[in-house]
N, C-alpha and C. Protein backbone atom coordinates (compact mmCIF):
# COMPACT_ATOMS: atom_id res chain seq x y z
N MET A 1 0.76 -0.86 0.11
CA MET A 1 0.66 0.31 0.18
C MET A 1 1.03 0.49 -0.02
N THR A 2 0.64 2.22 -0.66
CA THR A 2 1.05 3.43 -0.67
C THR A 2 0.50 4.52 0.88
N ASP A 3 1.36 5.22 0.91
CA ASP A 3 0.81 6.14 1.34
C ASP A 3 1.01 7.61 1.23
N PHE A 4 -0.16 8.05 1.35
CA PHE A 4 0.01 9.45 0.16
C PHE A 4 -0.03 10.48 1.73
N ILE A 5 -0.22 11.50 1.62
CA ILE A 5 0.25 12.99 2.37
C ILE A 5 -1.15 14.25 1.40
N THR A 6 -2.09 14.31 2.24
CA THR A 6 -2.67 15.17 1.80
C THR A 6 -2.96 16.46 2.73
N THR A 7 -2.88 17.41 1.73
CA THR A 7 -3.73 18.55 2.80
C THR A 7 -4.72 18.88 3.10
N PRO A 8 -4.89 19.56 4.64
CA PRO A 8 -6.00 20.23 4.51
C PRO A 8 -7.19 21.15 3.27
N ALA A 9 -8.88 21.17 3.60
CA ALA A 9 -8.80 21.98 1.90
C ALA A 9 -9.08 23.51 3.19
N ASP A 10 -9.06 23.57 3.74
CA ASP A 10 -8.77 24.79 4.34
C ASP A 10 -7.93 25.34 4.70
N ASN A 11 -6.31 24.86 3.92
CA ASN A 11 -5.60 25.76 4.09
C ASN A 11 -5.60 26.50 2.57
N PHE A 12 -6.31 26.54 1.67
CA PHE A 12 -6.79 26.60 0.32
C PHE A 12 -7.50 28.10 0.78
N ALA A 13 -8.78 27.78 2.11
CA ALA A 13 -9.57 29.16 2.06
C ALA A 13 -9.06 30.39 1.66
N GLY A 14 -9.47 31.01 0.90
CA GLY A 14 -9.93 32.51 1.11
C GLY A 14 -7.94 32.93 0.41
N ILE A 15 -7.12 32.40 -0.54
CA ILE A 15 -7.07 32.52 -1.12
C ILE A 15 -7.17 33.56 -2.68
N ARG A 16 -6.74 34.47 -2.39
CA ARG A 16 -6.44 35.79 -3.36
C ARG A 16 -6.10 34.45 -5.06
N HIS A 17 -6.32 35.68 -5.77
CA HIS A 17 -6.99 35.08 -7.27
C HIS A 17 -6.74 33.36 -7.87
N TYR A 18 -7.86 32.98 -6.67
CA TYR A 18 -7.92 31.90 -7.03
C TYR A 18 -9.68 31.07 -6.75
N PRO A 19 -10.79 31.15 -7.57
CA PRO A 19 -12.32 31.45 -7.82
C PRO A 19 -11.83 30.30 -7.43
N PHE A 20 -12.07 29.64 -8.32
CA PHE A 20 -12.31 27.79 -9.09
C PHE A 20 -12.62 27.79 -7.43
N SER A 21 -13.93 26.53 -8.23
CA SER A 21 -14.59 25.81 -6.91
C SER A 21 -13.55 24.49 -6.65
N ALA A 22 -14.02 23.83 -5.03
CA ALA A 22 -13.05 22.96 -5.04
C ALA A 22 -13.90 21.25 -5.54
N HIS A 23 -13.58 20.71 -6.73
CA HIS A 23 -14.68 19.11 -6.91
C HIS A 23 -12.97 18.10 -6.43
N TYR A 24 -13.34 17.16 -5.59
CA TYR A 24 -12.08 15.63 -5.87
C TYR A 24 -12.77 14.82 -6.33
N HIS A 25 -11.99 13.38 -6.80
CA HIS A 25 -12.29 12.60 -6.70
C HIS A 25 -11.66 11.44 -6.30
N ARG A 26 -12.21 10.83 -5.27
CA ARG A 26 -12.21 9.44 -5.11
C ARG A 26 -11.35 8.08 -6.06
N TRP A 27 -9.92 7.85 -5.84
CA TRP A 27 -9.76 6.09 -6.27
C TRP A 27 -8.19 5.66 -5.50
N GLN A 28 -8.95 4.52 -4.70
CA GLN A 28 -8.59 3.80 -3.99
C GLN A 28 -8.63 4.14 -2.70
N ASP A 29 -7.68 4.53 -2.85
CA ASP A 29 -6.73 5.57 -0.95
C ASP A 29 -6.70 6.92 -0.94
N MET A 30 -6.60 7.49 -2.33
CA MET A 30 -6.58 8.68 -3.09
C MET A 30 -7.55 9.72 -2.70
N GLN A 31 -6.72 10.76 -2.99
CA GLN A 31 -8.38 11.45 -3.44
C GLN A 31 -7.46 12.69 -4.40
N VAL A 32 -8.26 13.12 -5.38
CA VAL A 32 -7.74 13.76 -6.38
C VAL A 32 -8.59 14.95 -6.69
N HIS A 33 -8.27 15.84 -6.83
CA HIS A 33 -8.29 17.58 -6.27
C HIS A 33 -8.61 17.80 -8.05
N TYR A 34 -9.42 18.34 -8.76
CA TYR A 34 -9.85 18.95 -10.02
C TYR A 34 -10.23 19.93 -10.42
N LEU A 35 -10.22 20.97 -11.63
CA LEU A 35 -10.80 21.99 -11.60
C LEU A 35 -11.51 21.43 -12.73
N ASP A 36 -13.17 22.43 -12.34
CA ASP A 36 -13.74 21.84 -13.96
C ASP A 36 -14.38 22.96 -14.70
N GLU A 37 -13.81 23.74 -14.91
CA GLU A 37 -14.05 24.97 -15.22
C GLU A 37 -14.36 25.21 -17.41
N GLY A 38 -14.74 26.07 -16.91
CA GLY A 38 -15.66 26.18 -18.95
C GLY A 38 -16.59 26.36 -19.21
N PRO A 39 -16.91 26.18 -20.19
CA PRO A 39 -18.28 25.86 -20.93
C PRO A 39 -18.48 24.35 -21.43
N ALA A 40 -19.70 24.75 -20.45
CA ALA A 40 -20.21 22.14 -20.76
C ALA A 40 -19.09 22.11 -22.30
N ASP A 41 -20.15 22.81 -23.18
CA ASP A 41 -20.31 22.58 -25.08
C ASP A 41 -18.33 22.59 -24.91
N GLY A 42 -17.80 22.36 -24.86
CA GLY A 42 -16.55 22.78 -25.08
C GLY A 42 -14.84 22.11 -24.97
N PRO A 43 -13.68 22.06 -25.71
CA PRO A 43 -13.19 21.03 -25.38
C PRO A 43 -12.49 20.44 -24.51
N VAL A 44 -12.11 19.48 -24.46
CA VAL A 44 -11.86 19.10 -22.85
C VAL A 44 -9.98 19.49 -23.03
N VAL A 45 -10.11 20.29 -21.84
CA VAL A 45 -7.89 20.40 -22.06
C VAL A 45 -7.76 19.03 -20.42
N LEU A 46 -6.44 17.85 -20.12
CA LEU A 46 -6.16 17.93 -19.20
C LEU A 46 -5.30 18.55 -19.36
N MET A 47 -3.99 18.55 -18.00
CA MET A 47 -3.41 19.53 -17.40
C MET A 47 -3.49 18.72 -15.81
N THR A 48 -1.53 17.70 -15.99
CA THR A 48 -1.14 17.66 -14.36
C THR A 48 -0.06 18.03 -13.88
N HIS A 49 0.27 17.65 -12.37
CA HIS A 49 1.84 17.98 -12.26
C HIS A 49 1.68 16.50 -11.29
N GLY A 50 3.23 16.86 -11.68
CA GLY A 50 3.46 16.25 -10.18
C GLY A 50 5.12 15.97 -10.27
N ARG A 51 5.45 14.89 -8.80
CA ARG A 51 6.97 14.98 -9.05
C ARG A 51 7.57 13.61 -9.92
N LEU A 52 7.43 13.21 -10.51
CA LEU A 52 8.87 12.42 -11.59
C LEU A 52 10.74 11.96 -10.52
N GLY A 53 9.98 10.33 -10.81
CA GLY A 53 10.80 9.84 -10.02
C GLY A 53 10.93 8.95 -8.61
N CYS A 54 11.97 8.78 -7.94
CA CYS A 54 11.99 7.80 -7.06
C CYS A 54 11.66 8.39 -5.69
N TRP A 55 11.88 8.77 -5.26
CA TRP A 55 11.72 9.24 -3.85
C TRP A 55 13.35 8.66 -3.67
């Protein structure tokens, strides 16, 4: 099993210039945050970030 560290959502409350609603998807033991913005009939753009390599 992999251990995940999650930042509490309260840490992001009140950040200036970040008007996005929080959305989360649960997958197995992990919670993934995502943004769902733009027109519903617009094209889908998937952007990811993270750390590559070994710990």
